[in-house]
Amino acid sequence: MKNALQKNEIRLVNENVDAKRIFIHLHSSNKPIIRTIEGREIHRFTNIRATEGMESAKQYICDLINEKYSEPQVIEKVKPSKSDEAYFERHAYSTIINSLL
């Protein structure tokens, strides 16, 4: 697959469980790739990230996108909604506060 997503291209992955979305931030782009995936896949991603680390979680996302979602499709790069922006601002703020405690 010539346009396969590679683990080393991913800078950061955020998830919004309520909206069943993942936001894949690449080193080569300022805009996230937003994908809607199943809730159980998001839970599996967060479980892998918590138990095995971010590198294993990135590999899981790459495998998921390259295998399950490999059908021809347009990967939209869109601006996150106001609610998504607010969610990630709250998440970032809570991470900072928790690191200070």
Protein backbone atom coordinates (compact mmCIF):
# COMPACT_ATOMS: atom_id res chain seq x y z
CA MET A 1 0.00 0.00 0.00
CA LYS A 2 1.77 3.14 -1.18
CA ASN A 3 -0.05 5.68 1.03
CA ALA A 4 -0.02 3.59 4.17
CA LEU A 5 0.17 5.47 7.44
CA GLN A 6 3.44 4.79 9.25
CA LYS A 7 3.96 4.89 13.02
CA ASN A 8 6.91 7.27 12.76
CA GLU A 9 4.75 9.84 10.89
CA ILE A 10 2.43 10.25 13.90
CA ARG A 11 3.27 13.01 16.34
CA LEU A 12 0.21 12.72 18.60
CA VAL A 13 -3.15 10.95 18.77
CA ASN A 14 -6.10 12.37 20.70
CA GLU A 15 -9.45 10.73 21.12
CA ASN A 16 -12.98 11.88 21.83
CA VAL A 17 -14.85 8.83 23.07
CA ASP A 18 -18.26 10.54 23.08
CA ALA A 19 -18.01 11.50 19.41
CA LYS A 20 -16.17 8.25 18.49
CA ARG A 21 -13.44 10.25 16.81
CA ILE A 22 -9.67 10.11 16.79
CA PHE A 23 -7.44 13.01 15.85
CA ILE A 24 -4.14 11.94 14.30
CA HIS A 25 -1.54 14.71 14.29
CA LEU A 26 1.31 14.11 11.84
CA HIS A 27 4.81 15.56 11.94
CA SER A 28 4.34 16.77 8.34
CA SER A 29 1.08 18.65 8.86
CA ASN A 30 -0.37 21.21 11.24
CA LYS A 31 -3.90 19.90 10.70
CA PRO A 32 -5.13 16.68 12.29
CA ILE A 33 -6.57 13.76 10.37
CA ILE A 34 -9.97 13.18 11.93
CA ARG A 35 -11.44 9.69 11.69
CA THR A 36 -14.63 8.24 13.11
CA ILE A 37 -14.04 4.73 14.42
CA GLU A 38 -15.92 2.31 16.65
CA GLY A 39 -16.08 3.01 20.37
CA ARG A 40 -14.52 -0.34 21.24
CA GLU A 41 -11.53 0.54 19.02
CA ILE A 42 -11.06 3.81 20.90
CA HIS A 43 -11.23 1.95 24.22
CA ARG A 44 -8.69 -0.59 22.94
CA PHE A 45 -6.40 2.30 21.87
CA THR A 46 -6.60 3.95 25.30
CA ASN A 47 -6.02 0.61 27.02
CA ILE A 48 -2.92 -0.09 24.91
CA ARG A 49 -1.63 3.45 25.54
CA ALA A 50 -2.10 3.04 29.30
CA THR A 51 -0.59 -0.44 29.59
CA GLU A 52 1.99 -0.72 26.80
CA GLY A 53 2.86 2.88 25.97
CA MET A 54 2.28 5.38 23.19
CA GLU A 55 4.49 3.61 20.63
CA SER A 56 2.33 0.47 20.79
CA ALA A 57 -0.82 2.61 20.66
CA LYS A 58 0.45 4.41 17.55
CA GLN A 59 1.14 1.05 15.92
CA TYR A 60 -2.41 -0.08 16.75
CA ILE A 61 -3.85 3.05 15.09
CA CYS A 62 -1.64 2.56 12.00
CA ASP A 63 -2.70 -1.08 11.69
CA LEU A 64 -6.35 -0.17 12.20
CA ILE A 65 -6.33 2.55 9.55
CA ASN A 66 -4.20 0.63 7.06
CA GLU A 67 -6.15 -2.64 7.39
CA LYS A 68 -9.73 -2.01 8.48
CA TYR A 69 -10.18 1.42 6.95
CA SER A 70 -8.10 0.78 3.84
CA GLU A 71 -11.02 1.10 1.42
CA PRO A 72 -10.74 4.12 -0.89
CA GLN A 73 -11.81 7.21 0.97
CA VAL A 74 -10.96 10.83 1.40
CA ILE A 75 -9.18 11.54 4.65
CA GLU A 76 -10.56 14.91 5.55
CA LYS A 77 -8.41 17.48 7.19
CA VAL A 78 -10.95 19.76 8.80
CA LYS A 79 -10.91 22.30 11.54
CA PRO A 80 -12.16 20.77 14.81
CA SER A 81 -15.57 21.96 15.97
CA LYS A 82 -15.89 24.38 18.87
CA SER A 83 -16.92 21.53 21.17
CA ASP A 84 -13.88 19.46 20.10
CA GLU A 85 -11.58 22.44 20.69
CA ALA A 86 -13.12 22.99 24.13
CA TYR A 87 -12.75 19.29 24.96
CA PHE A 88 -9.03 19.28 24.13
CA GLU A 89 -8.43 22.57 25.94
CA ARG A 90 -10.00 21.08 29.08
CA HIS A 91 -8.00 17.90 28.62
CA ALA A 92 -4.73 19.83 28.21
CA TYR A 93 -5.53 22.02 31.21
CA SER A 94 -6.31 19.01 33.42
CA THR A 95 -3.06 17.35 32.30
CA ILE A 96 -1.08 20.42 33.32
CA ILE A 97 -2.87 20.67 36.68
CA ASN A 98 -2.39 16.95 37.40
CA SER A 99 1.33 17.18 36.57
CA LEU A 100 1.71 19.92 39.18
CA LEU A 101 0.06 17.91 41.94
